[in-house]
Amino acid sequence: MSILEKLKHELKSVCLVTLFFAAWLGALMGIKALILEDYQIHLSGFSMVLVGALILGKVVLILEHVPLGLWLRNHPVLVEVLVRTVLYAIGTLVVLLLEKSFESRHEHGGLLPALARVFEHRDMPHVWTNTICLGGALLFYNLLTALNHHLGTGGLARVFLSPAQDSKSR
């Protein structure tokens, strides 16, 4: 595989994964906007959806190449999917907590005191909501990745893009 082909493959992967997470983050942002509209609060920041999706997508693509240990080889694929999902969700929570700590560092006299009081932050329900929703997105992504790996390259595309069969012939 030439460098150009590898670059093309990497760009395609990043774009597809970014679109996947952008759909999830966009839905989350849309739900938040609809709920807040009831209180006449207008939500903006849909550009952050794309940035967040791009970052999350690239991190997930990198972490897919990190082996989780030999003990997982003797377990069903579902165990690896669940372990990866939990680890990625914990990582998401840590990043969001660090973000809130960084935002409130001036109020608490520095980053470490802000970290110590992060669970008292007024946006913690927002952090939990994002972590739970992104955990769902990560679970769905990891399930699709495991299925695609099992079906072979392009397996999911063959399944989902082929014509539907008549329910009587199944």
N, C-alpha and C. Protein backbone atom coordinates (compact mmCIF):
# COMPACT_ATOMS: atom_id res chain seq x y z
N MET A 1 0.84 -1.17 0.00
CA MET A 1 0.00 0.00 0.00
C MET A 1 0.89 1.25 0.00
N SER A 2 0.67 2.13 -0.95
CA SER A 2 1.50 3.33 -1.05
C SER A 2 1.09 4.34 0.02
N ILE A 3 1.91 5.35 0.21
CA ILE A 3 1.64 6.40 1.19
C ILE A 3 0.34 7.12 0.84
N LEU A 4 0.14 7.38 -0.44
CA LEU A 4 -1.09 8.06 -0.86
C LEU A 4 -2.33 7.22 -0.55
N GLU A 5 -2.25 5.92 -0.79
CA GLU A 5 -3.37 5.03 -0.49
C GLU A 5 -3.64 4.98 1.02
N LYS A 6 -2.56 4.93 1.81
CA LYS A 6 -2.71 4.92 3.28
C LYS A 6 -3.34 6.21 3.76
N LEU A 7 -2.91 7.32 3.20
CA LEU A 7 -3.46 8.62 3.58
C LEU A 7 -4.95 8.70 3.22
N LYS A 8 -5.28 8.21 2.02
CA LYS A 8 -6.67 8.20 1.57
C LYS A 8 -7.53 7.34 2.49
N HIS A 9 -7.01 6.18 2.87
CA HIS A 9 -7.72 5.27 3.76
C HIS A 9 -7.92 5.92 5.14
N GLU A 10 -6.88 6.58 5.65
CA GLU A 10 -6.96 7.25 6.95
C GLU A 10 -7.97 8.39 6.92
N LEU A 11 -7.96 9.19 5.86
CA LEU A 11 -8.91 10.29 5.74
C LEU A 11 -10.35 9.78 5.67
N LYS A 12 -10.55 8.70 4.92
CA LYS A 12 -11.89 8.11 4.83
C LYS A 12 -12.34 7.62 6.19
N SER A 13 -11.46 6.95 6.93
CA SER A 13 -11.80 6.46 8.26
C SER A 13 -12.16 7.60 9.20
N VAL A 14 -11.33 8.64 9.21
CA VAL A 14 -11.56 9.79 10.09
C VAL A 14 -12.89 10.46 9.73
N CYS A 15 -13.15 10.63 8.44
CA CYS A 15 -14.40 11.27 8.01
C CYS A 15 -15.63 10.46 8.43
N LEU A 16 -15.59 9.15 8.22
CA LEU A 16 -16.74 8.31 8.58
C LEU A 16 -16.99 8.31 10.08
N VAL A 17 -15.93 8.18 10.86
CA VAL A 17 -16.08 8.15 12.31
C VAL A 17 -16.52 9.53 12.81
N THR A 18 -15.98 10.59 12.23
CA THR A 18 -16.39 11.94 12.60
C THR A 18 -17.87 12.15 12.31
N LEU A 19 -18.34 11.70 11.16
CA LEU A 19 -19.77 11.81 10.83
C LEU A 19 -20.63 11.02 11.81
N PHE A 20 -20.17 9.84 12.19
CA PHE A 20 -20.89 9.02 13.16
C PHE A 20 -21.06 9.78 14.48
N PHE A 21 -19.95 10.28 15.02
CA PHE A 21 -20.03 10.98 16.30
C PHE A 21 -20.69 12.35 16.16
N ALA A 22 -20.58 12.99 15.01
CA ALA A 22 -21.27 14.27 14.79
C ALA A 22 -22.78 14.06 14.83
N ALA A 23 -23.25 12.93 14.30
CA ALA A 23 -24.68 12.64 14.35
C ALA A 23 -25.13 12.47 15.81
N TRP A 24 -24.36 11.75 16.60
CA TRP A 24 -24.70 11.56 18.01
C TRP A 24 -24.64 12.87 18.77
N LEU A 25 -23.55 13.61 18.59
CA LEU A 25 -23.40 14.88 19.30
C LEU A 25 -24.43 15.90 18.82
N GLY A 26 -24.75 15.88 17.54
CA GLY A 26 -25.76 16.78 17.01
C GLY A 26 -27.13 16.47 17.60
N ALA A 27 -27.45 15.18 17.73
CA ALA A 27 -28.72 14.80 18.34
C ALA A 27 -28.77 15.24 19.81
N LEU A 28 -27.67 15.04 20.52
CA LEU A 28 -27.60 15.48 21.92
C LEU A 28 -27.78 16.99 22.03
N MET A 29 -27.10 17.72 21.16
CA MET A 29 -27.21 19.18 21.17
C MET A 29 -28.63 19.61 20.79
N GLY A 30 -29.23 18.94 19.84
CA GLY A 30 -30.60 19.26 19.44
C GLY A 30 -31.58 19.02 20.58
N ILE A 31 -31.42 17.92 21.30
CA ILE A 31 -32.29 17.63 22.45
C ILE A 31 -32.13 18.70 23.52
N LYS A 32 -30.88 19.06 23.80
CA LYS A 32 -30.63 20.12 24.79
C LYS A 32 -31.28 21.42 24.35
N ALA A 33 -31.14 21.76 23.07
CA ALA A 33 -31.72 23.01 22.55
C ALA A 33 -33.24 23.00 22.69
N LEU A 34 -33.86 21.87 22.39
CA LEU A 34 -35.32 21.77 22.51
C LEU A 34 -35.78 21.90 23.96
N ILE A 35 -35.07 21.28 24.87
CA ILE A 35 -35.42 21.37 26.29
C ILE A 35 -35.23 22.80 26.80
N LEU A 36 -34.11 23.42 26.45
CA LEU A 36 -33.82 24.77 26.93
C LEU A 36 -34.73 25.82 26.29
N GLU A 37 -35.25 25.54 25.11
CA GLU A 37 -36.15 26.47 24.44
C GLU A 37 -37.41 26.72 25.29
N ASP A 38 -37.80 25.72 26.03
CA ASP A 38 -38.95 25.85 26.91
C ASP A 38 -38.73 26.94 27.97
N TYR A 39 -37.48 27.22 28.29
CA TYR A 39 -37.12 28.25 29.26
C TYR A 39 -36.60 29.52 28.59
N GLN A 40 -36.84 29.64 27.29
CA GLN A 40 -36.37 30.76 26.48
C GLN A 40 -34.85 30.93 26.55
N ILE A 41 -34.14 29.81 26.65
CA ILE A 41 -32.68 29.82 26.62
C ILE A 41 -32.27 29.29 25.25
N HIS A 42 -31.54 30.10 24.51
CA HIS A 42 -31.12 29.71 23.16
C HIS A 42 -29.71 29.14 23.22
N LEU A 43 -29.58 27.95 22.71
CA LEU A 43 -28.32 27.23 22.73
C LEU A 43 -27.60 27.44 21.41
N SER A 44 -26.34 27.75 21.50
CA SER A 44 -25.52 27.84 20.29
C SER A 44 -24.30 26.96 20.48
N GLY A 45 -23.51 26.85 19.47
CA GLY A 45 -22.31 26.05 19.59
C GLY A 45 -22.33 24.79 18.76
N PHE A 46 -23.14 24.80 17.71
CA PHE A 46 -23.18 23.61 16.87
C PHE A 46 -21.85 23.37 16.15
N SER A 47 -21.02 24.42 16.02
CA SER A 47 -19.69 24.21 15.43
C SER A 47 -18.83 23.37 16.37
N MET A 48 -19.11 23.47 17.67
CA MET A 48 -18.36 22.65 18.63
C MET A 48 -18.71 21.16 18.47
N VAL A 49 -19.88 20.88 17.92
CA VAL A 49 -20.26 19.49 17.65
C VAL A 49 -19.27 18.88 16.68
N LEU A 50 -18.95 19.60 15.62
CA LEU A 50 -18.01 19.08 14.62
C LEU A 50 -16.61 18.94 15.19
N VAL A 51 -16.17 19.93 15.97
CA VAL A 51 -14.84 19.86 16.57
C VAL A 51 -14.78 18.68 17.55
N GLY A 52 -15.80 18.57 18.40
CA GLY A 52 -15.84 17.46 19.35
C GLY A 52 -15.89 16.11 18.66
N ALA A 53 -16.67 16.01 17.59
CA ALA A 53 -16.78 14.76 16.85
C ALA A 53 -15.45 14.39 16.19
N LEU A 54 -14.77 15.39 15.66
CA LEU A 54 -13.47 15.14 15.03
C LEU A 54 -12.45 14.65 16.05
N ILE A 55 -12.40 15.31 17.20
CA ILE A 55 -11.45 14.91 18.25
C ILE A 55 -11.81 13.52 18.77
N LEU A 56 -13.07 13.31 19.11
CA LEU A 56 -13.50 12.01 19.62
C LEU A 56 -13.24 10.91 18.60
N GLY A 57 -13.56 11.17 17.34
CA GLY A 57 -13.34 10.18 16.29
C GLY A 57 -11.88 9.80 16.15
N LYS A 58 -11.01 10.77 16.13
CA LYS A 58 -9.58 10.49 15.97
C LYS A 58 -9.02 9.74 17.17
N VAL A 59 -9.44 10.13 18.38
CA VAL A 59 -8.98 9.43 19.58
C VAL A 59 -9.44 7.97 19.57
N VAL A 60 -10.69 7.75 19.20
CA VAL A 60 -11.22 6.38 19.16
C VAL A 60 -10.48 5.55 18.11
N LEU A 61 -10.21 6.14 16.95
CA LEU A 61 -9.47 5.41 15.92
C LEU A 61 -8.06 5.03 16.39
N ILE A 62 -7.45 5.90 17.14
CA ILE A 62 -6.11 5.60 17.68
C ILE A 62 -6.22 4.50 18.73
N LEU A 63 -7.20 4.62 19.64
CA LEU A 63 -7.34 3.64 20.72
C LEU A 63 -7.74 2.26 20.23
N GLU A 64 -8.34 2.17 19.05
CA GLU A 64 -8.68 0.86 18.50
C GLU A 64 -7.43 0.00 18.30
N HIS A 65 -6.30 0.63 18.11
CA HIS A 65 -5.05 -0.11 17.87
C HIS A 65 -4.31 -0.45 19.16
N VAL A 66 -4.85 -0.06 20.29
CA VAL A 66 -4.23 -0.36 21.58
C VAL A 66 -4.80 -1.67 22.09
N PRO A 67 -3.94 -2.69 22.24
CA PRO A 67 -4.44 -3.97 22.76
C PRO A 67 -4.79 -3.84 24.24
N LEU A 68 -5.87 -4.52 24.64
CA LEU A 68 -6.32 -4.44 26.03
C LEU A 68 -5.76 -5.55 26.90
N GLY A 69 -5.06 -6.47 26.33
CA GLY A 69 -4.46 -7.53 27.13
C GLY A 69 -4.79 -8.90 26.57
N LEU A 70 -3.95 -9.84 26.92
CA LEU A 70 -4.12 -11.20 26.42
C LEU A 70 -5.35 -11.88 27.01
N TRP A 71 -5.74 -11.51 28.22
CA TRP A 71 -6.86 -12.20 28.87
C TRP A 71 -8.16 -12.01 28.09
N LEU A 72 -8.27 -10.92 27.32
CA LEU A 72 -9.49 -10.69 26.55
C LEU A 72 -9.63 -11.65 25.37
N ARG A 73 -8.52 -12.21 24.91
CA ARG A 73 -8.57 -13.12 23.76
C ARG A 73 -9.37 -14.38 24.06
N ASN A 74 -9.46 -14.75 25.32
CA ASN A 74 -10.19 -15.96 25.71
C ASN A 74 -11.64 -15.68 26.08
N HIS A 75 -12.07 -14.45 25.91
CA HIS A 75 -13.44 -14.05 26.25
C HIS A 75 -14.21 -13.70 24.98
N PRO A 76 -15.53 -13.71 25.08
CA PRO A 76 -16.34 -13.30 23.92
C PRO A 76 -16.03 -11.86 23.51
N VAL A 77 -16.26 -11.57 22.25
CA VAL A 77 -16.02 -10.22 21.71
C VAL A 77 -16.81 -9.18 22.50
N LEU A 78 -17.98 -9.56 22.97
CA LEU A 78 -18.80 -8.63 23.74
C LEU A 78 -18.06 -8.09 24.96
N VAL A 79 -17.22 -8.91 25.58
CA VAL A 79 -16.45 -8.45 26.75
C VAL A 79 -15.50 -7.33 26.34
N GLU A 80 -14.81 -7.50 25.20
CA GLU A 80 -13.92 -6.44 24.74
C GLU A 80 -14.71 -5.17 24.41
N VAL A 81 -15.87 -5.33 23.78
CA VAL A 81 -16.71 -4.18 23.45
C VAL A 81 -17.08 -3.43 24.73
N LEU A 82 -17.51 -4.16 25.74
CA LEU A 82 -17.91 -3.53 27.00
C LEU A 82 -16.73 -2.90 27.73
N VAL A 83 -15.59 -3.58 27.74
CA VAL A 83 -14.40 -3.02 28.41
C VAL A 83 -13.96 -1.74 27.70
N ARG A 84 -13.88 -1.79 26.39
CA ARG A 84 -13.50 -0.58 25.64
C ARG A 84 -14.50 0.56 25.90
N THR A 85 -15.77 0.24 25.89
CA THR A 85 -16.79 1.27 26.10
C THR A 85 -16.65 1.90 27.48
N VAL A 86 -16.46 1.08 28.50
CA VAL A 86 -16.31 1.62 29.86
C VAL A 86 -15.04 2.48 29.95
N LEU A 87 -13.95 1.99 29.39
CA LEU A 87 -12.70 2.77 29.43
C LEU A 87 -12.83 4.09 28.68
N TYR A 88 -13.44 4.06 27.50
CA TYR A 88 -13.62 5.28 26.72
C TYR A 88 -14.56 6.25 27.44
N ALA A 89 -15.62 5.71 28.07
CA ALA A 89 -16.56 6.57 28.79
C ALA A 89 -15.90 7.20 30.01
N ILE A 90 -15.07 6.45 30.71
CA ILE A 90 -14.34 7.01 31.84
C ILE A 90 -13.39 8.10 31.34
N GLY A 91 -12.73 7.84 30.22
CA GLY A 91 -11.85 8.86 29.63
C GLY A 91 -12.63 10.12 29.27
N THR A 92 -13.83 9.94 28.73
CA THR A 92 -14.69 11.08 28.40
C THR A 92 -15.03 11.87 29.65
N LEU A 93 -15.40 11.17 30.72
CA LEU A 93 -15.73 11.83 31.98
C LEU A 93 -14.54 12.61 32.51
N VAL A 94 -13.37 12.01 32.47
CA VAL A 94 -12.15 12.68 32.96
C VAL A 94 -11.89 13.96 32.17
N VAL A 95 -12.01 13.88 30.85
CA VAL A 95 -11.77 15.07 30.02
C VAL A 95 -12.79 16.16 30.34
N LEU A 96 -14.05 15.79 30.49
CA LEU A 96 -15.08 16.77 30.82
C LEU A 96 -14.86 17.38 32.20
N LEU A 97 -14.43 16.57 33.18
CA LEU A 97 -14.13 17.09 34.51
C LEU A 97 -12.95 18.04 34.48
N LEU A 98 -11.93 17.69 33.70
CA LEU A 98 -10.78 18.59 33.56
C LEU A 98 -11.19 19.91 32.90
N GLU A 99 -12.08 19.82 31.92
CA GLU A 99 -12.57 21.03 31.25
C GLU A 99 -13.29 21.94 32.25
N LYS A 100 -14.17 21.37 33.07
CA LYS A 100 -14.90 22.17 34.06
C LYS A 100 -13.94 22.73 35.12
N SER A 101 -12.94 21.96 35.50
CA SER A 101 -11.94 22.44 36.46
C SER A 101 -11.17 23.61 35.87
N PHE A 102 -10.80 23.49 34.62
CA PHE A 102 -10.06 24.56 33.96
C PHE A 102 -10.91 25.83 33.88
N GLU A 103 -12.21 25.66 33.58
CA GLU A 103 -13.11 26.82 33.49
C GLU A 103 -13.25 27.53 34.83
N SER A 104 -13.21 26.79 35.94
CA SER A 104 -13.45 27.39 37.25
C SER A 104 -12.16 27.61 38.05
N ARG A 105 -11.01 27.50 37.43
CA ARG A 105 -9.75 27.63 38.15
C ARG A 105 -9.58 29.00 38.80
N HIS A 106 -10.10 30.06 38.19
CA HIS A 106 -9.96 31.40 38.77
C HIS A 106 -10.84 31.57 40.01
N GLU A 107 -12.01 30.94 40.00
CA GLU A 107 -12.92 31.02 41.14
C GLU A 107 -12.37 30.31 42.36
N HIS A 108 -11.56 29.28 42.14
CA HIS A 108 -11.08 28.44 43.25
C HIS A 108 -9.59 28.61 43.54
N GLY A 109 -8.94 29.55 42.89
CA GLY A 109 -7.54 29.82 43.19
C GLY A 109 -6.55 28.86 42.56
N GLY A 110 -6.88 28.33 41.40
CA GLY A 110 -5.95 27.46 40.68
C GLY A 110 -6.61 26.18 40.22
N LEU A 111 -5.88 25.45 39.41
CA LEU A 111 -6.43 24.24 38.81
C LEU A 111 -6.62 23.12 39.83
N LEU A 112 -5.65 22.91 40.72
CA LEU A 112 -5.78 21.82 41.70
C LEU A 112 -6.95 22.03 42.65
N PRO A 113 -7.11 23.24 43.23
CA PRO A 113 -8.31 23.45 44.07
C PRO A 113 -9.61 23.29 43.27
N ALA A 114 -9.59 23.71 42.00
CA ALA A 114 -10.79 23.55 41.16
C ALA A 114 -11.07 22.08 40.91
N LEU A 115 -10.01 21.28 40.72
CA LEU A 115 -10.18 19.84 40.54
C LEU A 115 -10.78 19.20 41.79
N ALA A 116 -10.35 19.67 42.95
CA ALA A 116 -10.85 19.12 44.21
C ALA A 116 -12.34 19.42 44.39
N ARG A 117 -12.83 20.49 43.78
CA ARG A 117 -14.23 20.89 43.97
C ARG A 117 -15.07 20.73 42.70
N VAL A 118 -14.56 19.99 41.74
CA VAL A 118 -15.22 19.89 40.44
C VAL A 118 -16.63 19.29 40.54
N PHE A 119 -16.85 18.38 41.49
CA PHE A 119 -18.17 17.75 41.60
C PHE A 119 -19.21 18.71 42.17
N GLU A 120 -18.76 19.86 42.68
CA GLU A 120 -19.69 20.89 43.15
C GLU A 120 -20.01 21.90 42.05
N HIS A 121 -19.39 21.73 40.89
CA HIS A 121 -19.58 22.67 39.77
C HIS A 121 -21.04 22.69 39.34
N ARG A 122 -21.51 23.86 39.00
CA ARG A 122 -22.93 24.03 38.64
C ARG A 122 -23.31 23.27 37.36
N ASP A 123 -22.34 22.91 36.55
CA ASP A 123 -22.61 22.20 35.29
C ASP A 123 -22.47 20.68 35.39
N MET A 124 -22.39 20.14 36.61
CA MET A 124 -22.21 18.68 36.73
C MET A 124 -23.35 17.88 36.11
N PRO A 125 -24.61 18.32 36.20
CA PRO A 125 -25.65 17.55 35.48
C PRO A 125 -25.39 17.51 33.97
N HIS A 126 -24.86 18.60 33.44
CA HIS A 126 -24.49 18.67 32.03
C HIS A 126 -23.36 17.67 31.73
N VAL A 127 -22.38 17.60 32.62
CA VAL A 127 -21.25 16.67 32.46
C VAL A 127 -21.76 15.22 32.48
N TRP A 128 -22.63 14.90 33.44
CA TRP A 128 -23.17 13.53 33.52
C TRP A 128 -23.99 13.20 32.28
N THR A 129 -24.80 14.15 31.83
CA THR A 129 -25.61 13.92 30.63
C THR A 129 -24.73 13.64 29.42
N ASN A 130 -23.70 14.46 29.23
CA ASN A 130 -22.78 14.25 28.11
C ASN A 130 -22.07 12.91 28.22
N THR A 131 -21.64 12.55 29.42
CA THR A 131 -20.92 11.29 29.61
C THR A 131 -21.82 10.10 29.30
N ILE A 132 -23.06 10.15 29.77
CA ILE A 132 -23.99 9.04 29.53
C ILE A 132 -24.31 8.92 28.04
N CYS A 133 -24.60 10.04 27.40
CA CYS A 133 -24.93 10.00 25.96
C CYS A 133 -23.74 9.57 25.11
N LEU A 134 -22.57 10.10 25.43
CA LEU A 134 -21.39 9.69 24.69
C LEU A 134 -21.02 8.24 24.98
N GLY A 135 -21.30 7.78 26.19
CA GLY A 135 -21.10 6.36 26.50
C GLY A 135 -21.97 5.49 25.61
N GLY A 136 -23.21 5.91 25.37
CA GLY A 136 -24.09 5.19 24.45
C GLY A 136 -23.56 5.20 23.03
N ALA A 137 -23.06 6.37 22.60
CA ALA A 137 -22.48 6.47 21.26
C ALA A 137 -21.26 5.57 21.14
N LEU A 138 -20.43 5.55 22.17
CA LEU A 138 -19.22 4.72 22.16
C LEU A 138 -19.58 3.23 22.15
N LEU A 139 -20.61 2.86 22.91
CA LEU A 139 -21.05 1.46 22.92
C LEU A 139 -21.52 1.05 21.52
N PHE A 140 -22.36 1.88 20.92
CA PHE A 140 -22.87 1.58 19.58
C PHE A 140 -21.72 1.51 18.58
N TYR A 141 -20.76 2.45 18.67
CA TYR A 141 -19.61 2.45 17.77
C TYR A 141 -18.78 1.17 17.95
N ASN A 142 -18.52 0.80 19.21
CA ASN A 142 -17.72 -0.40 19.47
C ASN A 142 -18.43 -1.66 19.00
N LEU A 143 -19.76 -1.71 19.13
CA LEU A 143 -20.52 -2.86 18.62
C LEU A 143 -20.42 -2.94 17.10
N LEU A 144 -20.59 -1.80 16.43
CA LEU A 144 -20.48 -1.78 14.97
C LEU A 144 -19.07 -2.16 14.50
N THR A 145 -18.07 -1.69 15.22
CA THR A 145 -16.68 -2.03 14.88
C THR A 145 -16.44 -3.53 15.01
N ALA A 146 -16.94 -4.12 16.09
CA ALA A 146 -16.78 -5.56 16.29
C ALA A 146 -17.51 -6.34 15.20
N LEU A 147 -18.72 -5.91 14.85
CA LEU A 147 -19.45 -6.57 13.77
C LEU A 147 -18.73 -6.45 12.44
N ASN A 148 -18.22 -5.27 12.15
CA ASN A 148 -17.50 -5.05 10.89
C ASN A 148 -16.25 -5.91 10.83
N HIS A 149 -15.56 -6.02 11.96
CA HIS A 149 -14.36 -6.86 12.01
C HIS A 149 -14.73 -8.33 11.77
N HIS A 150 -15.83 -8.76 12.35
CA HIS A 150 -16.28 -10.15 12.18
C HIS A 150 -16.74 -10.42 10.74
N LEU A 151 -17.41 -9.46 10.14
CA LEU A 151 -17.94 -9.63 8.78
C LEU A 151 -16.88 -9.42 7.70
N GLY A 152 -15.77 -8.80 8.07
CA GLY A 152 -14.73 -8.50 7.10
C GLY A 152 -14.88 -7.10 6.53
N THR A 153 -13.87 -6.66 5.82
CA THR A 153 -13.87 -5.32 5.25
C THR A 153 -15.10 -5.10 4.39
N GLY A 154 -15.82 -4.04 4.72
CA GLY A 154 -17.03 -3.72 3.97
C GLY A 154 -18.24 -4.55 4.33
N GLY A 155 -18.12 -5.37 5.37
CA GLY A 155 -19.22 -6.26 5.75
C GLY A 155 -20.47 -5.52 6.17
N LEU A 156 -20.31 -4.49 6.98
CA LEU A 156 -21.48 -3.71 7.40
C LEU A 156 -22.14 -3.02 6.21
N ALA A 157 -21.32 -2.51 5.31
CA ALA A 157 -21.86 -1.84 4.12
C ALA A 157 -22.66 -2.84 3.29
N ARG A 158 -22.13 -4.07 3.15
CA ARG A 158 -22.87 -5.08 2.39
C ARG A 158 -24.21 -5.39 3.06
N VAL A 159 -24.22 -5.47 4.38
CA VAL A 159 -25.45 -5.80 5.09
C VAL A 159 -26.47 -4.66 4.99
N PHE A 160 -26.02 -3.44 5.26
CA PHE A 160 -26.95 -2.32 5.35
C PHE A 160 -27.27 -1.66 4.01
N LEU A 161 -26.44 -1.86 3.00
CA LEU A 161 -26.69 -1.21 1.71
C LEU A 161 -27.25 -2.16 0.66
N SER A 162 -27.40 -3.43 1.03
CA SER A 162 -27.99 -4.36 0.07
C SER A 162 -29.51 -4.27 0.19
N PRO A 163 -30.22 -4.66 -0.86
CA PRO A 163 -31.69 -4.60 -0.81
C PRO A 163 -32.26 -5.46 0.31
N ALA A 164 -33.32 -4.98 0.91
CA ALA A 164 -33.98 -5.73 2.00
C ALA A 164 -34.61 -6.98 1.43
N GLN A 165 -34.55 -8.03 2.20
CA GLN A 165 -35.18 -9.28 1.78
C GLN A 165 -36.60 -9.31 2.26
N ASP A 166 -37.41 -10.05 1.54
CA ASP A 166 -38.81 -10.24 1.95
C ASP A 166 -38.80 -11.01 3.27
N SER A 167 -39.61 -10.61 4.23
CA SER A 167 -39.62 -11.23 5.55
C SER A 167 -39.99 -12.71 5.49
N LYS A 168 -40.70 -13.15 4.43
CA LYS A 168 -41.08 -14.55 4.31
C LYS A 168 -39.90 -15.42 3.90
N SER A 169 -38.90 -14.82 3.24
CA SER A 169 -37.77 -15.61 2.77
C SER A 169 -36.66 -15.72 3.82
N ARG A 170 -36.82 -15.07 4.95
CA ARG A 170 -35.76 -15.13 5.98
C ARG A 170 -35.82 -16.38 6.76
